[in-house]
Amino acid sequence: MQSFIKNLDIHAQGLWLAIVISLILFIYALLMPKKEISWRDFYITFGIIGFFAWLSDSVFGKMLDIVDFGNPKITGIGEFFSYSLIPSSLAVIYLNYFKRENKWILAIVFTIISTLIEWGMIKVGYMKTHGWGFFVSIPFYFVIFLLILPLHKKIIKCKS
């Protein structure tokens, strides 16, 4: 039991922010009125984005060691929530409001939201970067929201 509690990394500085943001986004994604996506789209998007979030954690967090969440030697509850819920929930929320007409404004708004979440995680001390500049994330987020997620939506809406 002692080992289990230690592996949760519940004493990590700033853990509260990761958990609060994760839960707020996830609950909103579940309860929001579905406008532009169905529950099927929700399910597919949540799984695919979650997979790529964990893949990026493996590459950037473990292999390249350019970012750590909490204790770098433990994948605690905060890191689990951060990679499992935040990117997937943001993607689902984004796609729920996405239309061709609001593509640019939505990409800008969600880039700002993602940047603020990252900034907050750094400020409370939960996220620590090693060679990853904070401003490198901004174009990364923008490309995801402007190009990758609309392409993802087009693919999952394709009937053939």
N, C-alpha and C. Protein backbone atom coordinates (compact mmCIF):
# COMPACT_ATOMS: atom_id res chain seq x y z
N MET A 1 0.82 -1.19 0.00
CA MET A 1 0.00 0.00 0.00
C MET A 1 0.87 1.26 0.00
N GLN A 2 1.95 1.21 0.78
CA GLN A 2 2.88 2.33 0.86
C GLN A 2 3.46 2.66 -0.51
N SER A 3 3.81 1.61 -1.24
CA SER A 3 4.39 1.78 -2.58
C SER A 3 3.36 2.38 -3.54
N PHE A 4 2.13 1.93 -3.44
CA PHE A 4 1.06 2.45 -4.28
C PHE A 4 0.87 3.94 -4.06
N ILE A 5 0.80 4.36 -2.83
CA ILE A 5 0.61 5.78 -2.50
C ILE A 5 1.80 6.60 -2.97
N LYS A 6 3.01 6.06 -2.81
CA LYS A 6 4.21 6.76 -3.27
C LYS A 6 4.17 6.95 -4.79
N ASN A 7 3.71 5.94 -5.51
CA ASN A 7 3.66 6.00 -6.97
C ASN A 7 2.58 6.95 -7.49
N LEU A 8 1.64 7.34 -6.66
CA LEU A 8 0.64 8.32 -7.07
C LEU A 8 1.24 9.72 -7.17
N ASP A 9 2.37 9.93 -6.51
CA ASP A 9 3.07 11.23 -6.53
C ASP A 9 2.16 12.35 -6.06
N ILE A 10 1.42 12.08 -4.96
CA ILE A 10 0.43 13.06 -4.48
C ILE A 10 1.05 14.24 -3.75
N HIS A 11 2.35 14.18 -3.52
CA HIS A 11 3.01 15.29 -2.84
C HIS A 11 3.72 16.22 -3.82
N ALA A 12 3.51 16.01 -5.12
CA ALA A 12 4.17 16.84 -6.12
C ALA A 12 3.67 18.28 -6.03
N GLN A 13 4.60 19.20 -6.16
CA GLN A 13 4.26 20.62 -6.13
C GLN A 13 3.35 20.95 -7.33
N GLY A 14 2.24 21.60 -7.08
CA GLY A 14 1.33 22.03 -8.14
C GLY A 14 0.41 20.96 -8.68
N LEU A 15 0.41 19.80 -8.06
CA LEU A 15 -0.44 18.69 -8.50
C LEU A 15 -1.90 19.11 -8.58
N TRP A 16 -2.33 19.94 -7.65
CA TRP A 16 -3.73 20.36 -7.59
C TRP A 16 -4.18 20.98 -8.91
N LEU A 17 -3.31 21.76 -9.57
CA LEU A 17 -3.71 22.42 -10.82
C LEU A 17 -3.95 21.41 -11.93
N ALA A 18 -3.07 20.43 -12.04
CA ALA A 18 -3.23 19.39 -13.06
C ALA A 18 -4.55 18.64 -12.88
N ILE A 19 -4.86 18.31 -11.65
CA ILE A 19 -6.10 17.56 -11.38
C ILE A 19 -7.33 18.43 -11.62
N VAL A 20 -7.30 19.68 -11.15
CA VAL A 20 -8.46 20.57 -11.32
C VAL A 20 -8.74 20.84 -12.80
N ILE A 21 -7.70 21.19 -13.56
CA ILE A 21 -7.90 21.47 -14.99
C ILE A 21 -8.38 20.23 -15.72
N SER A 22 -7.77 19.09 -15.43
CA SER A 22 -8.16 17.83 -16.08
C SER A 22 -9.63 17.52 -15.84
N LEU A 23 -10.05 17.60 -14.59
CA LEU A 23 -11.43 17.26 -14.26
C LEU A 23 -12.44 18.26 -14.82
N ILE A 24 -12.12 19.54 -14.75
CA ILE A 24 -13.02 20.56 -15.31
C ILE A 24 -13.22 20.33 -16.81
N LEU A 25 -12.12 20.16 -17.54
CA LEU A 25 -12.22 19.95 -19.00
C LEU A 25 -12.95 18.66 -19.33
N PHE A 26 -12.65 17.59 -18.61
CA PHE A 26 -13.29 16.31 -18.88
C PHE A 26 -14.79 16.35 -18.59
N ILE A 27 -15.17 16.92 -17.46
CA ILE A 27 -16.59 17.01 -17.12
C ILE A 27 -17.32 17.91 -18.11
N TYR A 28 -16.69 19.01 -18.51
CA TYR A 28 -17.33 19.88 -19.51
C TYR A 28 -17.49 19.14 -20.83
N ALA A 29 -16.44 18.41 -21.25
CA ALA A 29 -16.52 17.67 -22.51
C ALA A 29 -17.64 16.63 -22.47
N LEU A 30 -17.84 16.00 -21.34
CA LEU A 30 -18.91 15.01 -21.21
C LEU A 30 -20.30 15.65 -21.22
N LEU A 31 -20.44 16.78 -20.52
CA LEU A 31 -21.77 17.36 -20.30
C LEU A 31 -22.18 18.41 -21.33
N MET A 32 -21.23 18.92 -22.12
CA MET A 32 -21.58 19.98 -23.08
C MET A 32 -22.58 19.45 -24.11
N PRO A 33 -23.49 20.31 -24.56
CA PRO A 33 -24.39 19.89 -25.63
C PRO A 33 -23.59 19.58 -26.89
N LYS A 34 -23.80 18.41 -27.44
CA LYS A 34 -23.05 18.00 -28.63
C LYS A 34 -23.66 18.70 -29.86
N LYS A 35 -22.87 19.61 -30.45
CA LYS A 35 -23.35 20.39 -31.60
C LYS A 35 -22.79 19.85 -32.91
N GLU A 36 -21.48 19.79 -33.00
CA GLU A 36 -20.82 19.42 -34.25
C GLU A 36 -20.22 18.01 -34.23
N ILE A 37 -20.32 17.32 -33.08
CA ILE A 37 -19.81 15.96 -32.99
C ILE A 37 -20.87 15.07 -32.34
N SER A 38 -20.74 13.80 -32.62
CA SER A 38 -21.63 12.81 -32.00
C SER A 38 -20.86 12.10 -30.90
N TRP A 39 -21.54 11.22 -30.18
CA TRP A 39 -20.86 10.43 -29.16
C TRP A 39 -19.83 9.51 -29.80
N ARG A 40 -20.10 9.05 -31.01
CA ARG A 40 -19.12 8.23 -31.74
C ARG A 40 -17.87 9.04 -32.02
N ASP A 41 -18.03 10.28 -32.49
CA ASP A 41 -16.89 11.17 -32.75
C ASP A 41 -16.13 11.46 -31.46
N PHE A 42 -16.87 11.65 -30.38
CA PHE A 42 -16.28 11.87 -29.06
C PHE A 42 -15.37 10.70 -28.70
N TYR A 43 -15.90 9.51 -28.82
CA TYR A 43 -15.19 8.28 -28.46
C TYR A 43 -13.92 8.12 -29.30
N ILE A 44 -14.04 8.28 -30.60
CA ILE A 44 -12.89 8.13 -31.50
C ILE A 44 -11.84 9.20 -31.20
N THR A 45 -12.28 10.44 -31.09
CA THR A 45 -11.35 11.55 -30.84
C THR A 45 -10.65 11.38 -29.50
N PHE A 46 -11.40 11.04 -28.49
CA PHE A 46 -10.81 10.88 -27.15
C PHE A 46 -9.73 9.81 -27.16
N GLY A 47 -10.00 8.71 -27.83
CA GLY A 47 -9.03 7.62 -27.90
C GLY A 47 -7.80 7.96 -28.72
N ILE A 48 -8.00 8.52 -29.88
CA ILE A 48 -6.87 8.83 -30.76
C ILE A 48 -6.00 9.93 -30.18
N ILE A 49 -6.60 11.00 -29.70
CA ILE A 49 -5.82 12.09 -29.12
C ILE A 49 -5.13 11.62 -27.84
N GLY A 50 -5.80 10.82 -27.04
CA GLY A 50 -5.18 10.26 -25.84
C GLY A 50 -3.97 9.40 -26.18
N PHE A 51 -4.10 8.60 -27.25
CA PHE A 51 -2.97 7.78 -27.69
C PHE A 51 -1.78 8.65 -28.09
N PHE A 52 -2.04 9.69 -28.88
CA PHE A 52 -0.95 10.56 -29.31
C PHE A 52 -0.37 11.38 -28.16
N ALA A 53 -1.18 11.71 -27.18
CA ALA A 53 -0.66 12.42 -26.00
C ALA A 53 0.31 11.53 -25.24
N TRP A 54 -0.05 10.27 -25.04
CA TRP A 54 0.85 9.35 -24.34
C TRP A 54 2.07 9.03 -25.17
N LEU A 55 1.91 8.97 -26.47
CA LEU A 55 3.06 8.77 -27.36
C LEU A 55 4.02 9.95 -27.24
N SER A 56 3.48 11.16 -27.20
CA SER A 56 4.34 12.34 -27.06
C SER A 56 5.01 12.36 -25.69
N ASP A 57 4.32 11.89 -24.65
CA ASP A 57 4.96 11.79 -23.33
C ASP A 57 6.13 10.81 -23.39
N SER A 58 5.95 9.71 -24.08
CA SER A 58 7.04 8.74 -24.20
C SER A 58 8.24 9.33 -24.92
N VAL A 59 7.98 10.07 -25.98
CA VAL A 59 9.08 10.65 -26.76
C VAL A 59 9.69 11.86 -26.06
N PHE A 60 8.85 12.87 -25.75
CA PHE A 60 9.38 14.11 -25.19
C PHE A 60 9.72 14.02 -23.71
N GLY A 61 8.93 13.28 -22.95
CA GLY A 61 9.14 13.20 -21.52
C GLY A 61 10.14 12.15 -21.10
N LYS A 62 10.10 11.01 -21.75
CA LYS A 62 10.97 9.92 -21.33
C LYS A 62 12.23 9.82 -22.20
N MET A 63 12.08 9.70 -23.51
CA MET A 63 13.23 9.49 -24.38
C MET A 63 14.12 10.74 -24.50
N LEU A 64 13.52 11.89 -24.80
CA LEU A 64 14.29 13.12 -24.97
C LEU A 64 14.47 13.88 -23.67
N ASP A 65 13.68 13.57 -22.66
CA ASP A 65 13.74 14.19 -21.33
C ASP A 65 13.73 15.71 -21.39
N ILE A 66 12.77 16.27 -22.13
CA ILE A 66 12.69 17.73 -22.21
C ILE A 66 11.55 18.30 -21.37
N VAL A 67 10.75 17.43 -20.76
CA VAL A 67 9.67 17.91 -19.89
C VAL A 67 9.38 16.87 -18.82
N ASP A 68 9.13 17.34 -17.61
CA ASP A 68 8.75 16.47 -16.50
C ASP A 68 7.50 17.02 -15.83
N PHE A 69 6.64 16.13 -15.40
CA PHE A 69 5.47 16.49 -14.61
C PHE A 69 5.65 15.85 -13.24
N GLY A 70 5.69 16.66 -12.20
CA GLY A 70 5.88 16.13 -10.85
C GLY A 70 7.24 15.46 -10.73
N ASN A 71 7.27 14.32 -10.08
CA ASN A 71 8.50 13.55 -9.92
C ASN A 71 8.89 12.93 -11.26
N PRO A 72 10.10 13.23 -11.77
CA PRO A 72 10.48 12.71 -13.08
C PRO A 72 10.62 11.19 -13.15
N LYS A 73 10.75 10.53 -12.00
CA LYS A 73 10.93 9.08 -12.00
C LYS A 73 9.62 8.32 -11.86
N ILE A 74 8.53 9.05 -11.63
CA ILE A 74 7.23 8.41 -11.39
C ILE A 74 6.19 9.00 -12.34
N THR A 75 5.36 8.13 -12.90
CA THR A 75 4.19 8.60 -13.64
C THR A 75 3.04 8.62 -12.64
N GLY A 76 2.89 9.74 -11.96
CA GLY A 76 1.90 9.86 -10.91
C GLY A 76 0.51 10.17 -11.43
N ILE A 77 -0.40 10.38 -10.51
CA ILE A 77 -1.81 10.64 -10.84
C ILE A 77 -1.97 11.94 -11.64
N GLY A 78 -1.19 12.94 -11.32
CA GLY A 78 -1.27 14.20 -12.04
C GLY A 78 -0.82 14.08 -13.48
N GLU A 79 0.27 13.36 -13.70
CA GLU A 79 0.74 13.15 -15.08
C GLU A 79 -0.26 12.29 -15.84
N PHE A 80 -0.80 11.29 -15.17
CA PHE A 80 -1.83 10.45 -15.79
C PHE A 80 -3.02 11.30 -16.24
N PHE A 81 -3.52 12.15 -15.34
CA PHE A 81 -4.65 13.02 -15.67
C PHE A 81 -4.27 14.02 -16.77
N SER A 82 -3.08 14.59 -16.66
CA SER A 82 -2.63 15.61 -17.62
C SER A 82 -2.57 15.06 -19.04
N TYR A 83 -2.03 13.87 -19.21
CA TYR A 83 -1.91 13.29 -20.55
C TYR A 83 -3.18 12.58 -21.01
N SER A 84 -3.94 12.04 -20.08
CA SER A 84 -5.14 11.28 -20.46
C SER A 84 -6.34 12.17 -20.71
N LEU A 85 -6.49 13.25 -19.92
CA LEU A 85 -7.72 14.03 -19.99
C LEU A 85 -7.59 15.40 -20.65
N ILE A 86 -6.51 16.12 -20.42
CA ILE A 86 -6.44 17.49 -20.93
C ILE A 86 -6.42 17.55 -22.46
N PRO A 87 -5.47 16.89 -23.15
CA PRO A 87 -5.45 16.99 -24.62
C PRO A 87 -6.72 16.44 -25.27
N SER A 88 -7.19 15.29 -24.78
CA SER A 88 -8.39 14.68 -25.37
C SER A 88 -9.63 15.53 -25.14
N SER A 89 -9.78 16.07 -23.95
CA SER A 89 -10.94 16.92 -23.65
C SER A 89 -10.90 18.20 -24.48
N LEU A 90 -9.73 18.83 -24.57
CA LEU A 90 -9.61 20.04 -25.39
C LEU A 90 -9.95 19.75 -26.85
N ALA A 91 -9.48 18.62 -27.36
CA ALA A 91 -9.76 18.25 -28.75
C ALA A 91 -11.26 18.04 -28.99
N VAL A 92 -11.90 17.34 -28.08
CA VAL A 92 -13.34 17.09 -28.20
C VAL A 92 -14.13 18.40 -28.13
N ILE A 93 -13.77 19.26 -27.19
CA ILE A 93 -14.45 20.55 -27.05
C ILE A 93 -14.24 21.38 -28.31
N TYR A 94 -13.01 21.42 -28.80
CA TYR A 94 -12.69 22.17 -30.02
C TYR A 94 -13.54 21.68 -31.19
N LEU A 95 -13.56 20.37 -31.40
CA LEU A 95 -14.30 19.82 -32.53
C LEU A 95 -15.81 20.01 -32.39
N ASN A 96 -16.29 20.10 -31.16
CA ASN A 96 -17.71 20.33 -30.95
C ASN A 96 -18.14 21.71 -31.43
N TYR A 97 -17.23 22.66 -31.40
CA TYR A 97 -17.56 24.03 -31.83
C TYR A 97 -16.99 24.36 -33.21
N PHE A 98 -16.22 23.44 -33.78
CA PHE A 98 -15.53 23.70 -35.04
C PHE A 98 -16.48 23.74 -36.24
N LYS A 99 -16.38 24.81 -36.99
CA LYS A 99 -17.02 24.95 -38.30
C LYS A 99 -15.99 25.62 -39.20
N ARG A 100 -16.13 25.45 -40.47
CA ARG A 100 -15.19 26.05 -41.42
C ARG A 100 -15.10 27.57 -41.25
N GLU A 101 -16.24 28.19 -40.91
CA GLU A 101 -16.29 29.65 -40.79
C GLU A 101 -15.52 30.17 -39.58
N ASN A 102 -15.45 29.39 -38.52
CA ASN A 102 -14.78 29.86 -37.29
C ASN A 102 -13.44 29.18 -37.05
N LYS A 103 -12.89 28.57 -38.08
CA LYS A 103 -11.66 27.79 -37.97
C LYS A 103 -10.50 28.60 -37.37
N TRP A 104 -10.27 29.80 -37.89
CA TRP A 104 -9.13 30.61 -37.45
C TRP A 104 -9.30 31.13 -36.04
N ILE A 105 -10.47 31.67 -35.75
CA ILE A 105 -10.69 32.23 -34.41
C ILE A 105 -10.65 31.14 -33.35
N LEU A 106 -11.23 29.99 -33.68
CA LEU A 106 -11.22 28.87 -32.74
C LEU A 106 -9.80 28.34 -32.52
N ALA A 107 -9.02 28.27 -33.59
CA ALA A 107 -7.62 27.82 -33.46
C ALA A 107 -6.84 28.78 -32.57
N ILE A 108 -7.07 30.07 -32.72
CA ILE A 108 -6.39 31.07 -31.89
C ILE A 108 -6.83 30.95 -30.44
N VAL A 109 -8.13 30.84 -30.21
CA VAL A 109 -8.66 30.74 -28.84
C VAL A 109 -8.13 29.49 -28.14
N PHE A 110 -8.15 28.35 -28.81
CA PHE A 110 -7.70 27.11 -28.18
C PHE A 110 -6.18 27.06 -28.03
N THR A 111 -5.46 27.75 -28.91
CA THR A 111 -4.01 27.88 -28.74
C THR A 111 -3.73 28.69 -27.48
N ILE A 112 -4.48 29.76 -27.28
CA ILE A 112 -4.32 30.57 -26.06
C ILE A 112 -4.66 29.76 -24.82
N ILE A 113 -5.76 29.02 -24.86
CA ILE A 113 -6.15 28.19 -23.72
C ILE A 113 -5.06 27.17 -23.40
N SER A 114 -4.57 26.49 -24.41
CA SER A 114 -3.52 25.48 -24.20
C SER A 114 -2.25 26.10 -23.65
N THR A 115 -1.90 27.27 -24.18
CA THR A 115 -0.71 27.98 -23.71
C THR A 115 -0.87 28.41 -22.26
N LEU A 116 -2.06 28.89 -21.90
CA LEU A 116 -2.30 29.28 -20.52
C LEU A 116 -2.25 28.09 -19.56
N ILE A 117 -2.74 26.95 -20.01
CA ILE A 117 -2.67 25.74 -19.18
C ILE A 117 -1.21 25.36 -18.96
N GLU A 118 -0.42 25.37 -20.02
CA GLU A 118 1.00 25.05 -19.89
C GLU A 118 1.70 26.06 -19.00
N TRP A 119 1.43 27.33 -19.20
CA TRP A 119 2.02 28.39 -18.38
C TRP A 119 1.68 28.19 -16.90
N GLY A 120 0.42 27.88 -16.62
CA GLY A 120 -0.02 27.65 -15.25
C GLY A 120 0.69 26.47 -14.62
N MET A 121 0.83 25.39 -15.38
CA MET A 121 1.52 24.20 -14.87
C MET A 121 2.99 24.52 -14.55
N ILE A 122 3.61 25.35 -15.36
CA ILE A 122 5.00 25.75 -15.10
C ILE A 122 5.07 26.66 -13.89
N LYS A 123 4.14 27.63 -13.81
CA LYS A 123 4.16 28.60 -12.71
C LYS A 123 3.94 27.97 -11.34
N VAL A 124 3.08 26.97 -11.25
CA VAL A 124 2.85 26.33 -9.96
C VAL A 124 3.93 25.29 -9.63
N GLY A 125 4.83 25.06 -10.58
CA GLY A 125 5.94 24.16 -10.35
C GLY A 125 5.68 22.70 -10.67
N TYR A 126 4.53 22.40 -11.27
CA TYR A 126 4.23 21.00 -11.59
C TYR A 126 4.95 20.53 -12.86
N MET A 127 5.05 21.41 -13.83
CA MET A 127 5.71 21.09 -15.09
C MET A 127 7.08 21.75 -15.11
N LYS A 128 8.08 20.94 -15.40
CA LYS A 128 9.45 21.45 -15.49
C LYS A 128 9.99 21.12 -16.87
N THR A 129 10.54 22.14 -17.54
CA THR A 129 11.08 21.93 -18.88
C THR A 129 12.60 21.89 -18.83
N HIS A 130 13.16 21.11 -19.73
CA HIS A 130 14.62 20.97 -19.86
C HIS A 130 14.95 21.14 -21.34
N GLY A 131 15.16 22.36 -21.77
CA GLY A 131 15.49 22.59 -23.17
C GLY A 131 14.29 22.83 -24.06
N TRP A 132 13.11 22.75 -23.51
CA TRP A 132 11.89 23.02 -24.28
C TRP A 132 11.46 24.43 -23.96
N GLY A 133 11.58 25.33 -24.93
CA GLY A 133 11.16 26.70 -24.70
C GLY A 133 9.65 26.81 -24.66
N PHE A 134 9.17 27.60 -23.73
CA PHE A 134 7.73 27.80 -23.58
C PHE A 134 7.11 28.27 -24.90
N PHE A 135 7.80 29.14 -25.62
CA PHE A 135 7.25 29.70 -26.85
C PHE A 135 7.29 28.72 -28.03
N VAL A 136 7.98 27.61 -27.88
CA VAL A 136 7.98 26.56 -28.90
C VAL A 136 6.61 25.89 -28.96
N SER A 137 5.93 25.85 -27.84
CA SER A 137 4.63 25.19 -27.77
C SER A 137 3.54 25.92 -28.57
N ILE A 138 3.63 27.22 -28.65
CA ILE A 138 2.57 28.01 -29.28
C ILE A 138 2.35 27.61 -30.74
N PRO A 139 3.38 27.59 -31.60
CA PRO A 139 3.12 27.15 -32.99
C PRO A 139 2.69 25.69 -33.06
N PHE A 140 3.19 24.88 -32.14
CA PHE A 140 2.80 23.47 -32.07
C PHE A 140 1.29 23.35 -31.83
N TYR A 141 0.79 24.08 -30.83
CA TYR A 141 -0.65 24.07 -30.54
C TYR A 141 -1.45 24.61 -31.73
N PHE A 142 -0.96 25.68 -32.33
CA PHE A 142 -1.68 26.31 -33.42
C PHE A 142 -1.83 25.36 -34.61
N VAL A 143 -0.78 24.65 -34.95
CA VAL A 143 -0.83 23.67 -36.06
C VAL A 143 -1.82 22.56 -35.74
N ILE A 144 -1.82 22.10 -34.49
CA ILE A 144 -2.76 21.04 -34.10
C ILE A 144 -4.20 21.51 -34.27
N PHE A 145 -4.51 22.71 -33.76
CA PHE A 145 -5.89 23.19 -33.82
C PHE A 145 -6.29 23.67 -35.22
N LEU A 146 -5.37 24.22 -35.97
CA LEU A 146 -5.72 24.76 -37.29
C LEU A 146 -5.73 23.68 -38.37
N LEU A 147 -4.81 22.71 -38.29
CA LEU A 147 -4.68 21.74 -39.37
C LEU A 147 -4.99 20.30 -38.97
N ILE A 148 -4.41 19.83 -37.90
CA ILE A 148 -4.50 18.41 -37.57
C ILE A 148 -5.90 18.00 -37.10
N LEU A 149 -6.48 18.76 -36.18
CA LEU A 149 -7.83 18.39 -35.71
C LEU A 149 -8.91 18.53 -36.79
N PRO A 150 -8.88 19.57 -37.64
CA PRO A 150 -9.86 19.58 -38.74
C PRO A 150 -9.68 18.40 -39.70
N LEU A 151 -8.43 17.99 -39.95
CA LEU A 151 -8.19 16.81 -40.78
C LEU A 151 -8.72 15.56 -40.09
N HIS A 152 -8.49 15.45 -38.80
CA HIS A 152 -9.02 14.33 -38.01
C HIS A 152 -10.55 14.28 -38.12
N LYS A 153 -11.19 15.44 -38.02
CA LYS A 153 -12.66 15.48 -38.10
C LYS A 153 -13.13 15.03 -39.49
N LYS A 154 -12.42 15.46 -40.51
CA LYS A 154 -12.78 15.07 -41.88
C LYS A 154 -12.66 13.56 -42.05
N ILE A 155 -11.63 12.98 -41.49
CA ILE A 155 -11.42 11.53 -41.59
C ILE A 155 -12.49 10.75 -40.84
N ILE A 156 -12.82 11.17 -39.62
CA ILE A 156 -13.82 10.40 -38.85
C ILE A 156 -15.24 10.61 -39.37
N LYS A 157 -15.47 11.68 -40.11
CA LYS A 157 -16.80 11.93 -40.68
C LYS A 157 -16.97 11.22 -42.03
N CYS A 158 -15.86 10.76 -42.61
CA CYS A 158 -15.89 10.09 -43.91
C CYS A 158 -16.66 8.78 -43.77
N LYS A 159 -17.59 8.56 -44.67
CA LYS A 159 -18.46 7.37 -44.58
C LYS A 159 -17.86 6.13 -45.22
N SER A 160 -16.92 6.29 -46.13
CA SER A 160 -16.38 5.10 -46.82
C SER A 160 -15.13 4.58 -46.21
